[in-house]
Amino acid sequence: MASGLVWLSVVAVVVVAVWGALFLVTLLVVWRVRRTMPPSGNFIEIAGHTIHYTDEGRGPTLLLIHGLGGQIGNFAYLVDRLKAKYRVVALDRPGNGYSTKPASASSGIASQAQIIAQFIEKLDLDRPLVVGHSLGGAVALALVVNHAELVSGAALLAPLSQQVAGPPDAFKAMAIRSSWRRRLMAWTVAVPGSILNGARIGNMIFAPEAIPADFVSRTRGLLSLRPAAFYGASSDLVAAPDDLPDLVTQYGSITLPIGILFGAGDRILDALVHGKHLAATIPGAIFEMVEGAGHMIPVTLPKQASDFIKRISDMALSANRLREIQSHVV
């Protein structure tokens, strides 16, 4: 009996020591990432949320919304190509990157769109074209459906648009419904796990294309090695299915210009389901597919993606001018 208690005590001490060591490793990583990659933009307070954003260039406004587990830096390849002709505003979605949100706030698609709608109004962005990638595409669609008066249209890059049976393999480890367990994982095993498995997961997300050699440095990719990044991505992943059923039923009512660009080889979201089918439900929507490309087209195909965005922007500007003429005639 006594020896059994001794062994239990030893096991308990070992478990505590291991979890403590993981916590200390996480703290060290957080400190180093924050020191080497501080916020790159500005901050604005909206309904208890602190939104981090960048604002570059001049011209018609583009609003860039990143995908699951991402942040502003994911658009670095695009911003460099677009800012000569456009005002390019990119934000960290609530709870991602350097943006924060109240613990009680929803991570749902519609709730994020509501905060971004207030962001558009507060910065007086004057009906931007919304560019959404992956989960950011779903948020962009929610903006178009629920806040059409604030945007001119949307250019969607490999967007999440339909209900899915479950998360892709690359993100299954983040499917944690319990908030306390999510927090525990974020501050212990998530960061060391990301360091050990980052290359493998990255290859799954980029496949069939290769990860660019400068991806981590150019996109500030090390920001994903923080507990807040894991917690935010997990929260978004779990909440995303809640709003999709209602959103899907409203696609047919969209009247703004919509463009959808997908990689034919996308292994995260099916291009035919989330792209071609979506385009078929939105009157006048444009769907284009790039052979040999995967899910990360804002990174791997910056020229094709930026050219596509420019064409959808031209469509949106023309539609806006037509609406203004018609309103004056009336």
C-alpha atoms as a PDB file:
ATOM      1  CA  MET A   1       0.000   0.000   0.000  1.00  0.00           C
ATOM      2  CA  ALA A   2       2.737   2.421   1.037  1.00  0.00           C
ATOM      3  CA  SER A   3       4.851   1.563  -2.006  1.00  0.00           C
ATOM      4  CA  GLY A   4       1.854   2.180  -4.242  1.00  0.00           C
ATOM      5  CA  LEU A   5       1.372   5.645  -2.762  1.00  0.00           C
ATOM      6  CA  VAL A   6       5.065   6.341  -3.274  1.00  0.00           C
ATOM      7  CA  TRP A   7       4.837   5.433  -6.938  1.00  0.00           C
ATOM      8  CA  LEU A   8       1.730   7.569  -7.386  1.00  0.00           C
ATOM      9  CA  SER A   9       3.565  10.453  -5.777  1.00  0.00           C
ATOM     10  CA  VAL A  10       6.543   9.951  -8.079  1.00  0.00           C
ATOM     11  CA  VAL A  11       4.273   9.846 -11.144  1.00  0.00           C
ATOM     12  CA  ALA A  12       2.486  13.003  -9.982  1.00  0.00           C
ATOM     13  CA  VAL A  13       5.769  14.827  -9.495  1.00  0.00           C
ATOM     14  CA  VAL A  14       7.009  13.739 -12.929  1.00  0.00           C
ATOM     15  CA  VAL A  15       3.760  14.846 -14.602  1.00  0.00           C
ATOM     16  CA  VAL A  16       3.867  18.234 -12.882  1.00  0.00           C
ATOM     17  CA  ALA A  17       7.541  18.634 -13.796  1.00  0.00           C
ATOM     18  CA  VAL A  18       6.870  17.814 -17.466  1.00  0.00           C
ATOM     19  CA  TRP A  19       3.925  20.212 -17.706  1.00  0.00           C
ATOM     20  CA  GLY A  20       5.949  22.852 -15.900  1.00  0.00           C
ATOM     21  CA  ALA A  21       8.829  22.422 -18.325  1.00  0.00           C
ATOM     22  CA  LEU A  22       6.459  22.738 -21.286  1.00  0.00           C
ATOM     23  CA  PHE A  23       5.026  25.922 -19.781  1.00  0.00           C
ATOM     24  CA  LEU A  24       8.494  27.410 -19.340  1.00  0.00           C
ATOM     25  CA  VAL A  25       9.463  26.527 -22.918  1.00  0.00           C
ATOM     26  CA  THR A  26       6.283  28.220 -24.106  1.00  0.00           C
ATOM     27  CA  LEU A  27       7.044  31.350 -22.080  1.00  0.00           C
ATOM     28  CA  LEU A  28      10.524  31.522 -23.575  1.00  0.00           C
ATOM     29  CA  VAL A  29       9.181  31.177 -27.132  1.00  0.00           C
ATOM     30  CA  VAL A  30       6.556  33.874 -26.509  1.00  0.00           C
ATOM     31  CA  TRP A  31       9.217  36.253 -25.220  1.00  0.00           C
ATOM     32  CA  ARG A  32      11.532  35.651 -28.183  1.00  0.00           C
ATOM     33  CA  VAL A  33       8.775  35.958 -30.798  1.00  0.00           C
ATOM     34  CA  ARG A  34       7.420  39.147 -29.260  1.00  0.00           C
ATOM     35  CA  ARG A  35      10.939  40.610 -29.131  1.00  0.00           C
ATOM     36  CA  THR A  36      11.828  39.753 -32.733  1.00  0.00           C
ATOM     37  CA  MET A  37       8.389  40.274 -34.303  1.00  0.00           C
ATOM     38  CA  PRO A  38       6.557  43.122 -32.560  1.00  0.00           C
ATOM     39  CA  PRO A  39       3.289  44.498 -33.982  1.00  0.00           C
ATOM     40  CA  SER A  40       3.781  45.867 -37.477  1.00  0.00           C
ATOM     41  CA  GLY A  41       0.739  48.140 -37.693  1.00  0.00           C
ATOM     42  CA  ASN A  42      -1.751  50.195 -35.737  1.00  0.00           C
ATOM     43  CA  PHE A  43      -4.427  49.356 -33.176  1.00  0.00           C
ATOM     44  CA  ILE A  44      -8.063  50.373 -32.873  1.00  0.00           C
ATOM     45  CA  GLU A  45     -10.619  49.560 -30.174  1.00  0.00           C
ATOM     46  CA  ILE A  46     -13.970  48.192 -31.331  1.00  0.00           C
ATOM     47  CA  ALA A  47     -16.638  46.852 -28.974  1.00  0.00           C
ATOM     48  CA  GLY A  48     -14.101  45.561 -26.475  1.00  0.00           C
ATOM     49  CA  HIS A  49     -11.875  44.115 -29.210  1.00  0.00           C
ATOM     50  CA  THR A  50      -8.404  45.448 -29.972  1.00  0.00           C
ATOM     51  CA  ILE A  51      -7.844  45.150 -33.717  1.00  0.00           C
ATOM     52  CA  HIS A  52      -4.340  45.245 -35.165  1.00  0.00           C
ATOM     53  CA  TYR A  53      -4.128  46.410 -38.775  1.00  0.00           C
ATOM     54  CA  THR A  54      -1.859  47.818 -41.463  1.00  0.00           C
ATOM     55  CA  ASP A  55      -2.795  50.532 -43.959  1.00  0.00           C
ATOM     56  CA  GLU A  56      -0.579  51.031 -47.028  1.00  0.00           C
ATOM     57  CA  GLY A  57      -0.812  52.664 -50.443  1.00  0.00           C
ATOM     58  CA  ARG A  58      -3.358  54.957 -52.051  1.00  0.00           C
ATOM     59  CA  GLY A  59      -6.294  54.403 -54.397  1.00  0.00           C
ATOM     60  CA  PRO A  60      -9.435  52.252 -54.266  1.00  0.00           C
ATOM     61  CA  THR A  61      -9.547  50.391 -50.954  1.00  0.00           C
ATOM     62  CA  LEU A  62      -8.941  46.673 -50.529  1.00  0.00           C
ATOM     63  CA  LEU A  63      -9.628  45.012 -47.172  1.00  0.00           C
ATOM     64  CA  LEU A  64      -7.664  41.782 -46.671  1.00  0.00           C
ATOM     65  CA  ILE A  65      -8.971  39.092 -44.279  1.00  0.00           C
ATOM     66  CA  HIS A  66      -6.698  36.120 -43.533  1.00  0.00           C
ATOM     67  CA  GLY A  67      -7.564  32.476 -42.966  1.00  0.00           C
ATOM     68  CA  LEU A  68      -7.446  29.989 -40.100  1.00  0.00           C
ATOM     69  CA  GLY A  69      -4.395  30.359 -37.880  1.00  0.00           C
ATOM     70  CA  GLY A  70      -3.105  33.229 -39.985  1.00  0.00           C
ATOM     71  CA  GLN A  71      -2.362  36.910 -39.533  1.00  0.00           C
ATOM     72  CA  ILE A  72      -1.617  40.029 -41.561  1.00  0.00           C
ATOM     73  CA  GLY A  73       1.743  38.682 -42.716  1.00  0.00           C
ATOM     74  CA  ASN A  74       0.069  35.953 -44.792  1.00  0.00           C
ATOM     75  CA  PHE A  75      -0.713  38.654 -47.364  1.00  0.00           C
ATOM     76  CA  ALA A  76       2.831  40.047 -47.572  1.00  0.00           C
ATOM     77  CA  TYR A  77       3.350  38.750 -51.121  1.00  0.00           C
ATOM     78  CA  LEU A  78       0.074  40.335 -52.275  1.00  0.00           C
ATOM     79  CA  VAL A  79       0.435  43.671 -50.476  1.00  0.00           C
ATOM     80  CA  ASP A  80       3.756  44.318 -52.179  1.00  0.00           C
ATOM     81  CA  ARG A  81       2.051  43.944 -55.563  1.00  0.00           C
ATOM     82  CA  LEU A  82      -1.151  45.834 -54.764  1.00  0.00           C
ATOM     83  CA  LYS A  83      -0.133  48.870 -52.728  1.00  0.00           C
ATOM     84  CA  ALA A  84       1.176  50.814 -55.758  1.00  0.00           C
ATOM     85  CA  LYS A  85      -2.381  51.079 -57.129  1.00  0.00           C
ATOM     86  CA  TYR A  86      -4.627  50.543 -54.102  1.00  0.00           C
ATOM     87  CA  ARG A  87      -5.070  51.492 -50.502  1.00  0.00           C
ATOM     88  CA  VAL A  88      -4.473  48.082 -48.935  1.00  0.00           C
ATOM     89  CA  VAL A  89      -5.810  47.553 -45.428  1.00  0.00           C
ATOM     90  CA  ALA A  90      -5.090  44.202 -43.783  1.00  0.00           C
ATOM     91  CA  LEU A  91      -6.231  43.206 -40.318  1.00  0.00           C
ATOM     92  CA  ASP A  92      -5.630  40.454 -37.820  1.00  0.00           C
ATOM     93  CA  ARG A  93      -9.045  38.880 -37.296  1.00  0.00           C
ATOM     94  CA  PRO A  94     -10.374  39.063 -33.701  1.00  0.00           C
ATOM     95  CA  GLY A  95      -8.325  36.763 -31.467  1.00  0.00           C
ATOM     96  CA  ASN A  96      -5.616  36.256 -34.096  1.00  0.00           C
ATOM     97  CA  GLY A  97      -2.214  37.810 -34.704  1.00  0.00           C
ATOM     98  CA  TYR A  98      -1.967  40.823 -32.426  1.00  0.00           C
ATOM     99  CA  SER A  99      -5.732  41.385 -32.315  1.00  0.00           C
ATOM    100  CA  THR A 100      -7.556  40.467 -29.123  1.00  0.00           C
ATOM    101  CA  LYS A 101     -11.162  39.863 -28.177  1.00  0.00           C
ATOM    102  CA  PRO A 102     -13.070  39.580 -24.892  1.00  0.00           C
ATOM    103  CA  ALA A 103     -13.221  36.079 -23.428  1.00  0.00           C
ATOM    104  CA  SER A 104     -17.015  36.167 -23.690  1.00  0.00           C
ATOM    105  CA  ALA A 105     -17.038  37.246 -27.355  1.00  0.00           C
ATOM    106  CA  SER A 106     -18.026  34.748 -30.033  1.00  0.00           C
ATOM    107  CA  SER A 107     -15.498  33.462 -32.555  1.00  0.00           C
ATOM    108  CA  GLY A 108     -18.284  32.741 -35.037  1.00  0.00           C
ATOM    109  CA  ILE A 109     -18.152  33.882 -38.650  1.00  0.00           C
ATOM    110  CA  ALA A 110     -21.068  36.307 -38.323  1.00  0.00           C
ATOM    111  CA  SER A 111     -19.687  37.821 -35.105  1.00  0.00           C
ATOM    112  CA  GLN A 112     -16.286  38.420 -36.705  1.00  0.00           C
ATOM    113  CA  ALA A 113     -17.987  39.998 -39.713  1.00  0.00           C
ATOM    114  CA  GLN A 114     -19.894  42.297 -37.364  1.00  0.00           C
ATOM    115  CA  ILE A 115     -16.663  43.527 -35.727  1.00  0.00           C
ATOM    116  CA  ILE A 116     -15.043  44.014 -39.135  1.00  0.00           C
ATOM    117  CA  ALA A 117     -18.117  45.942 -40.322  1.00  0.00           C
ATOM    118  CA  GLN A 118     -17.601  48.328 -37.388  1.00  0.00           C
ATOM    119  CA  PHE A 119     -13.902  48.475 -38.295  1.00  0.00           C
ATOM    120  CA  ILE A 120     -14.856  49.577 -41.837  1.00  0.00           C
ATOM    121  CA  GLU A 121     -17.116  52.281 -40.482  1.00  0.00           C
ATOM    122  CA  LYS A 122     -14.666  53.527 -37.874  1.00  0.00           C
ATOM    123  CA  LEU A 123     -11.834  53.850 -40.395  1.00  0.00           C
ATOM    124  CA  ASP A 124     -14.196  55.270 -43.018  1.00  0.00           C
ATOM    125  CA  LEU A 125     -12.944  52.837 -45.648  1.00  0.00           C
ATOM    126  CA  ASP A 126     -15.617  53.827 -48.191  1.00  0.00           C
ATOM    127  CA  ARG A 127     -16.960  50.480 -49.393  1.00  0.00           C
ATOM    128  CA  PRO A 128     -13.770  48.462 -49.846  1.00  0.00           C
ATOM    129  CA  LEU A 129     -13.462  45.369 -51.970  1.00  0.00           C
ATOM    130  CA  VAL A 130     -13.062  42.567 -49.449  1.00  0.00           C
ATOM    131  CA  VAL A 131     -10.349  39.998 -50.163  1.00  0.00           C
ATOM    132  CA  GLY A 132     -10.817  36.875 -48.049  1.00  0.00           C
ATOM    133  CA  HIS A 133      -8.636  33.773 -47.952  1.00  0.00           C
ATOM    134  CA  SER A 134      -9.879  30.404 -46.648  1.00  0.00           C
ATOM    135  CA  LEU A 135     -11.826  31.037 -43.410  1.00  0.00           C
ATOM    136  CA  GLY A 136     -11.382  34.735 -44.179  1.00  0.00           C
ATOM    137  CA  GLY A 137     -13.410  34.026 -47.307  1.00  0.00           C
ATOM    138  CA  ALA A 138     -16.326  32.875 -45.152  1.00  0.00           C
ATOM    139  CA  VAL A 139     -16.043  36.069 -43.099  1.00  0.00           C
ATOM    140  CA  ALA A 140     -15.967  38.087 -46.335  1.00  0.00           C
ATOM    141  CA  LEU A 141     -19.139  36.314 -47.498  1.00  0.00           C
ATOM    142  CA  ALA A 142     -20.811  37.159 -44.168  1.00  0.00           C
ATOM    143  CA  LEU A 143     -19.872  40.805 -44.738  1.00  0.00           C
ATOM    144  CA  VAL A 144     -21.363  40.743 -48.233  1.00  0.00           C
ATOM    145  CA  VAL A 145     -24.562  39.080 -46.995  1.00  0.00           C
ATOM    146  CA  ASN A 146     -25.101  40.972 -43.726  1.00  0.00           C
ATOM    147  CA  HIS A 147     -23.366  44.306 -44.383  1.00  0.00           C
ATOM    148  CA  ALA A 148     -23.672  44.798 -48.138  1.00  0.00           C
ATOM    149  CA  GLU A 149     -23.985  48.563 -47.768  1.00  0.00           C
ATOM    150  CA  LEU A 150     -20.428  48.750 -46.394  1.00  0.00           C
ATOM    151  CA  VAL A 151     -18.556  46.824 -49.116  1.00  0.00           C
ATOM    152  CA  SER A 152     -18.350  46.915 -52.903  1.00  0.00           C
ATOM    153  CA  GLY A 153     -17.834  43.207 -53.521  1.00  0.00           C
ATOM    154  CA  ALA A 154     -15.476  40.371 -52.704  1.00  0.00           C
ATOM    155  CA  ALA A 155     -12.490  38.598 -54.218  1.00  0.00           C
ATOM    156  CA  LEU A 156     -12.379  35.181 -52.541  1.00  0.00           C
ATOM    157  CA  LEU A 157      -9.189  33.134 -52.556  1.00  0.00           C
ATOM    158  CA  ALA A 158      -9.802  29.453 -51.772  1.00  0.00           C
ATOM    159  CA  PRO A 159     -12.730  30.378 -49.502  1.00  0.00           C
ATOM    160  CA  LEU A 160     -14.541  28.205 -46.996  1.00  0.00           C
ATOM    161  CA  SER A 161     -18.130  28.492 -48.246  1.00  0.00           C
ATOM    162  CA  GLN A 162     -19.959  25.258 -47.455  1.00  0.00           C
ATOM    163  CA  GLN A 163     -20.506  23.001 -44.477  1.00  0.00           C
ATOM    164  CA  VAL A 164     -17.838  20.343 -44.022  1.00  0.00           C
ATOM    165  CA  ALA A 165     -18.009  16.957 -42.293  1.00  0.00           C
ATOM    166  CA  GLY A 166     -14.964  17.729 -40.172  1.00  0.00           C
ATOM    167  CA  PRO A 167     -11.728  19.723 -40.135  1.00  0.00           C
ATOM    168  CA  PRO A 168      -8.954  18.893 -42.620  1.00  0.00           C
ATOM    169  CA  ASP A 169      -6.239  16.589 -41.281  1.00  0.00           C
ATOM    170  CA  ALA A 170      -3.831  19.512 -40.963  1.00  0.00           C
ATOM    171  CA  PHE A 171      -6.100  21.163 -38.387  1.00  0.00           C
ATOM    172  CA  LYS A 172      -7.628  18.231 -36.504  1.00  0.00           C
ATOM    173  CA  ALA A 173      -5.384  18.763 -33.471  1.00  0.00           C
ATOM    174  CA  MET A 174      -7.012  22.183 -33.032  1.00  0.00           C
ATOM    175  CA  ALA A 175     -10.581  20.828 -32.837  1.00  0.00           C
ATOM    176  CA  ILE A 176     -10.875  21.331 -29.067  1.00  0.00           C
ATOM    177  CA  ARG A 177     -14.359  22.318 -27.922  1.00  0.00           C
ATOM    178  CA  SER A 178     -13.543  22.853 -24.231  1.00  0.00           C
ATOM    179  CA  SER A 179     -12.188  26.365 -23.658  1.00  0.00           C
ATOM    180  CA  TRP A 180     -10.223  25.413 -20.526  1.00  0.00           C
ATOM    181  CA  ARG A 181      -8.656  22.412 -22.282  1.00  0.00           C
ATOM    182  CA  ARG A 182      -7.862  24.633 -25.256  1.00  0.00           C
ATOM    183  CA  ARG A 183      -6.137  27.089 -22.917  1.00  0.00           C
ATOM    184  CA  LEU A 184      -4.200  24.296 -21.199  1.00  0.00           C
ATOM    185  CA  MET A 185      -3.023  22.883 -24.528  1.00  0.00           C
ATOM    186  CA  ALA A 186      -2.080  26.361 -25.760  1.00  0.00           C
ATOM    187  CA  TRP A 187       0.231  26.970 -22.818  1.00  0.00           C
ATOM    188  CA  THR A 188       1.850  23.530 -22.688  1.00  0.00           C
ATOM    189  CA  VAL A 189       2.023  21.133 -25.637  1.00  0.00           C
ATOM    190  CA  ALA A 190       0.824  23.339 -28.533  1.00  0.00           C
ATOM    191  CA  VAL A 191       3.939  25.472 -28.982  1.00  0.00           C
ATOM    192  CA  PRO A 192       6.524  22.660 -28.653  1.00  0.00           C
ATOM    193  CA  GLY A 193       4.262  20.532 -30.871  1.00  0.00           C
ATOM    194  CA  SER A 194       4.174  23.270 -33.506  1.00  0.00           C
ATOM    195  CA  ILE A 195       7.959  23.507 -33.449  1.00  0.00           C
ATOM    196  CA  LEU A 196       8.323  19.750 -33.912  1.00  0.00           C
ATOM    197  CA  ASN A 197       5.538  19.294 -36.486  1.00  0.00           C
ATOM    198  CA  GLY A 198       5.485  22.695 -38.178  1.00  0.00           C
ATOM    199  CA  ALA A 199       7.190  21.576 -41.381  1.00  0.00           C
ATOM    200  CA  ARG A 200       4.927  18.527 -41.765  1.00  0.00           C
ATOM    201  CA  ILE A 201       1.730  20.526 -41.174  1.00  0.00           C
ATOM    202  CA  GLY A 202       2.958  23.319 -43.445  1.00  0.00           C
ATOM    203  CA  ASN A 203       3.590  20.857 -46.247  1.00  0.00           C
ATOM    204  CA  MET A 204       0.044  19.505 -45.838  1.00  0.00           C
ATOM    205  CA  ILE A 205      -1.439  23.009 -46.096  1.00  0.00           C
ATOM    206  CA  PHE A 206       0.673  24.069 -49.103  1.00  0.00           C
ATOM    207  CA  ALA A 207       0.450  20.778 -51.020  1.00  0.00           C
ATOM    208  CA  PRO A 208       0.853  20.075 -53.883  1.00  0.00           C
ATOM    209  CA  GLU A 209       3.053  23.187 -53.990  1.00  0.00           C
ATOM    210  CA  ALA A 210       6.248  23.726 -52.015  1.00  0.00           C
ATOM    211  CA  ILE A 211       6.570  26.208 -49.168  1.00  0.00           C
ATOM    212  CA  PRO A 212       8.572  29.224 -50.415  1.00  0.00           C
ATOM    213  CA  ALA A 213      12.023  29.431 -48.845  1.00  0.00           C
ATOM    214  CA  ASP A 214      11.349  32.922 -47.509  1.00  0.00           C
ATOM    215  CA  PHE A 215       7.829  32.191 -46.250  1.00  0.00           C
ATOM    216  CA  VAL A 216       8.532  32.279 -42.502  1.00  0.00           C
ATOM    217  CA  SER A 217      10.657  35.432 -42.612  1.00  0.00           C
ATOM    218  CA  ARG A 218       8.537  37.337 -45.113  1.00  0.00           C
ATOM    219  CA  THR A 219       5.158  36.538 -43.554  1.00  0.00           C
ATOM    220  CA  ARG A 220       6.303  36.762 -39.912  1.00  0.00           C
ATOM    221  CA  GLY A 221       5.333  33.115 -39.627  1.00  0.00           C
ATOM    222  CA  LEU A 222       6.873  32.668 -36.177  1.00  0.00           C
ATOM    223  CA  LEU A 223       3.868  34.549 -34.777  1.00  0.00           C
ATOM    224  CA  SER A 224       2.034  31.227 -35.006  1.00  0.00           C
ATOM    225  CA  LEU A 225       4.364  29.908 -32.286  1.00  0.00           C
ATOM    226  CA  ARG A 226       2.403  31.568 -29.498  1.00  0.00           C
ATOM    227  CA  PRO A 227      -0.341  30.255 -27.215  1.00  0.00           C
ATOM    228  CA  ALA A 228      -2.686  33.018 -28.377  1.00  0.00           C
ATOM    229  CA  ALA A 229      -2.278  31.874 -31.990  1.00  0.00           C
ATOM    230  CA  PHE A 230      -3.206  28.280 -31.148  1.00  0.00           C
ATOM    231  CA  TYR A 231      -6.094  29.352 -28.917  1.00  0.00           C
ATOM    232  CA  GLY A 232      -7.467  31.748 -31.536  1.00  0.00           C
ATOM    233  CA  ALA A 233      -7.220  29.219 -34.365  1.00  0.00           C
ATOM    234  CA  SER A 234      -8.835  26.490 -32.263  1.00  0.00           C
ATOM    235  CA  SER A 235     -11.667  28.842 -31.247  1.00  0.00           C
ATOM    236  CA  ASP A 236     -12.279  29.819 -34.890  1.00  0.00           C
ATOM    237  CA  LEU A 237     -12.201  26.196 -36.058  1.00  0.00           C
ATOM    238  CA  VAL A 238     -14.753  25.055 -33.502  1.00  0.00           C
ATOM    239  CA  ALA A 239     -17.080  28.033 -34.051  1.00  0.00           C
ATOM    240  CA  ALA A 240     -16.997  28.137 -37.871  1.00  0.00           C
ATOM    241  CA  PRO A 241     -19.686  25.444 -38.515  1.00  0.00           C
ATOM    242  CA  ASP A 242     -22.290  27.277 -36.423  1.00  0.00           C
ATOM    243  CA  ASP A 243     -22.960  30.102 -38.887  1.00  0.00           C
ATOM    244  CA  LEU A 244     -22.394  28.306 -42.200  1.00  0.00           C
ATOM    245  CA  PRO A 245     -25.880  26.741 -42.571  1.00  0.00           C
ATOM    246  CA  ASP A 246     -27.618  30.119 -42.425  1.00  0.00           C
ATOM    247  CA  LEU A 247     -24.954  31.798 -44.563  1.00  0.00           C
ATOM    248  CA  VAL A 248     -25.288  29.186 -47.318  1.00  0.00           C
ATOM    249  CA  THR A 249     -29.021  29.831 -47.664  1.00  0.00           C
ATOM    250  CA  GLN A 250     -28.387  33.529 -48.429  1.00  0.00           C
ATOM    251  CA  TYR A 251     -25.844  33.259 -51.248  1.00  0.00           C
ATOM    252  CA  GLY A 252     -28.577  33.555 -53.856  1.00  0.00           C
ATOM    253  CA  SER A 253     -29.491  37.027 -52.600  1.00  0.00           C
ATOM    254  CA  ILE A 254     -26.016  38.479 -53.206  1.00  0.00           C
ATOM    255  CA  THR A 255     -26.020  41.233 -55.831  1.00  0.00           C
ATOM    256  CA  LEU A 256     -22.476  42.583 -55.436  1.00  0.00           C
ATOM    257  CA  PRO A 257     -19.601  41.522 -57.733  1.00  0.00           C
ATOM    258  CA  ILE A 258     -18.027  38.288 -56.474  1.00  0.00           C
ATOM    259  CA  GLY A 259     -14.919  36.535 -57.774  1.00  0.00           C
ATOM    260  CA  ILE A 260     -13.673  33.130 -56.605  1.00  0.00           C
ATOM    261  CA  LEU A 261     -10.155  31.849 -57.291  1.00  0.00           C
ATOM    262  CA  PHE A 262      -9.098  28.319 -56.360  1.00  0.00           C
ATOM    263  CA  GLY A 263      -6.144  26.039 -56.847  1.00  0.00           C
ATOM    264  CA  ALA A 264      -7.275  22.862 -58.598  1.00  0.00           C
ATOM    265  CA  GLY A 265      -4.998  20.824 -56.329  1.00  0.00           C
ATOM    266  CA  ASP A 266      -6.255  22.359 -53.048  1.00  0.00           C
ATOM    267  CA  ARG A 267      -6.086  19.652 -50.359  1.00  0.00           C
ATOM    268  CA  ILE A 268      -7.647  21.731 -47.595  1.00  0.00           C
ATOM    269  CA  LEU A 269     -10.906  22.803 -49.286  1.00  0.00           C
ATOM    270  CA  ASP A 270     -12.401  21.128 -52.350  1.00  0.00           C
ATOM    271  CA  ALA A 271     -12.299  23.638 -55.217  1.00  0.00           C
ATOM    272  CA  LEU A 272     -15.453  22.248 -56.841  1.00  0.00           C
ATOM    273  CA  VAL A 273     -17.484  22.234 -53.629  1.00  0.00           C
ATOM    274  CA  HIS A 274     -16.338  25.523 -52.099  1.00  0.00           C
ATOM    275  CA  GLY A 275     -15.610  27.327 -55.353  1.00  0.00           C
ATOM    276  CA  LYS A 276     -17.526  26.158 -58.410  1.00  0.00           C
ATOM    277  CA  HIS A 277     -20.680  25.308 -56.454  1.00  0.00           C
ATOM    278  CA  LEU A 278     -20.538  28.643 -54.637  1.00  0.00           C
ATOM    279  CA  ALA A 279     -20.256  30.532 -57.936  1.00  0.00           C
ATOM    280  CA  ALA A 280     -23.277  28.657 -59.279  1.00  0.00           C
ATOM    281  CA  THR A 281     -25.425  29.938 -56.406  1.00  0.00           C
ATOM    282  CA  ILE A 282     -24.416  33.633 -56.676  1.00  0.00           C
ATOM    283  CA  PRO A 283     -25.815  35.515 -59.675  1.00  0.00           C
ATOM    284  CA  GLY A 284     -23.002  36.754 -61.924  1.00  0.00           C
ATOM    285  CA  ALA A 285     -20.185  35.324 -59.791  1.00  0.00           C
ATOM    286  CA  ILE A 286     -16.879  34.534 -61.493  1.00  0.00           C
ATOM    287  CA  PHE A 287     -15.061  31.272 -60.774  1.00  0.00           C
ATOM    288  CA  GLU A 288     -11.520  30.528 -61.904  1.00  0.00           C
ATOM    289  CA  MET A 289      -9.319  27.552 -61.117  1.00  0.00           C
ATOM    290  CA  VAL A 290      -5.537  27.328 -61.438  1.00  0.00           C
ATOM    291  CA  GLU A 291      -4.132  23.933 -62.357  1.00  0.00           C
ATOM    292  CA  GLY A 292      -1.360  22.621 -60.126  1.00  0.00           C
ATOM    293  CA  ALA A 293      -2.021  25.163 -57.365  1.00  0.00           C
ATOM    294  CA  GLY A 294      -2.913  24.391 -53.768  1.00  0.00           C
ATOM    295  CA  HIS A 295      -4.599  26.183 -50.892  1.00  0.00           C
ATOM    296  CA  MET A 296      -2.060  28.940 -50.209  1.00  0.00           C
ATOM    297  CA  ILE A 297      -2.470  30.869 -53.451  1.00  0.00           C
ATOM    298  CA  PRO A 298      -1.960  34.300 -51.807  1.00  0.00           C
ATOM    299  CA  VAL A 299       1.591  33.096 -51.125  1.00  0.00           C
ATOM    300  CA  THR A 300       2.412  30.737 -53.967  1.00  0.00           C
ATOM    301  CA  LEU A 301       0.634  32.614 -56.801  1.00  0.00           C
ATOM    302  CA  PRO A 302       0.923  36.293 -55.876  1.00  0.00           C
ATOM    303  CA  LYS A 303       0.867  37.506 -59.493  1.00  0.00           C
ATOM    304  CA  GLN A 304      -2.188  35.477 -60.510  1.00  0.00           C
ATOM    305  CA  ALA A 305      -3.960  36.326 -57.256  1.00  0.00           C
ATOM    306  CA  SER A 306      -3.203  40.058 -57.466  1.00  0.00           C
ATOM    307  CA  ASP A 307      -4.255  40.187 -61.145  1.00  0.00           C
ATOM    308  CA  PHE A 308      -7.494  38.439 -60.202  1.00  0.00           C
ATOM    309  CA  ILE A 309      -8.128  40.903 -57.354  1.00  0.00           C
ATOM    310  CA  LYS A 310      -7.542  43.833 -59.714  1.00  0.00           C
ATOM    311  CA  ARG A 311     -10.124  42.486 -62.188  1.00  0.00           C
ATOM    312  CA  ILE A 312     -12.746  42.003 -59.480  1.00  0.00           C
ATOM    313  CA  SER A 313     -11.948  45.463 -58.126  1.00  0.00           C
ATOM    314  CA  ASP A 314     -12.521  46.970 -61.588  1.00  0.00           C
ATOM    315  CA  MET A 315     -15.864  45.169 -61.755  1.00  0.00           C
ATOM    316  CA  ALA A 316     -16.857  46.484 -58.324  1.00  0.00           C
ATOM    317  CA  LEU A 317     -15.841  50.050 -59.200  1.00  0.00           C
ATOM    318  CA  SER A 318     -17.858  49.912 -62.426  1.00  0.00           C
ATOM    319  CA  ALA A 319     -20.878  48.542 -60.564  1.00  0.00           C
ATOM    320  CA  ASN A 320     -20.571  51.322 -57.978  1.00  0.00           C
ATOM    321  CA  ARG A 321     -20.457  54.000 -60.689  1.00  0.00           C
ATOM    322  CA  LEU A 322     -23.518  52.476 -62.359  1.00  0.00           C
ATOM    323  CA  ARG A 323     -25.419  52.485 -59.051  1.00  0.00           C
ATOM    324  CA  GLU A 324     -24.486  56.137 -58.486  1.00  0.00           C
ATOM    325  CA  ILE A 325     -25.687  57.100 -61.982  1.00  0.00           C
ATOM    326  CA  GLN A 326     -28.952  55.224 -61.486  1.00  0.00           C
ATOM    327  CA  SER A 327     -29.528  56.848 -58.099  1.00  0.00           C
ATOM    328  CA  HIS A 328     -29.063  60.302 -59.625  1.00  0.00           C
ATOM    329  CA  VAL A 329     -31.444  59.499 -62.485  1.00  0.00           C
ATOM    330  CA  VAL A 330     -34.071  58.355 -60.042  1.00  0.00           C
END
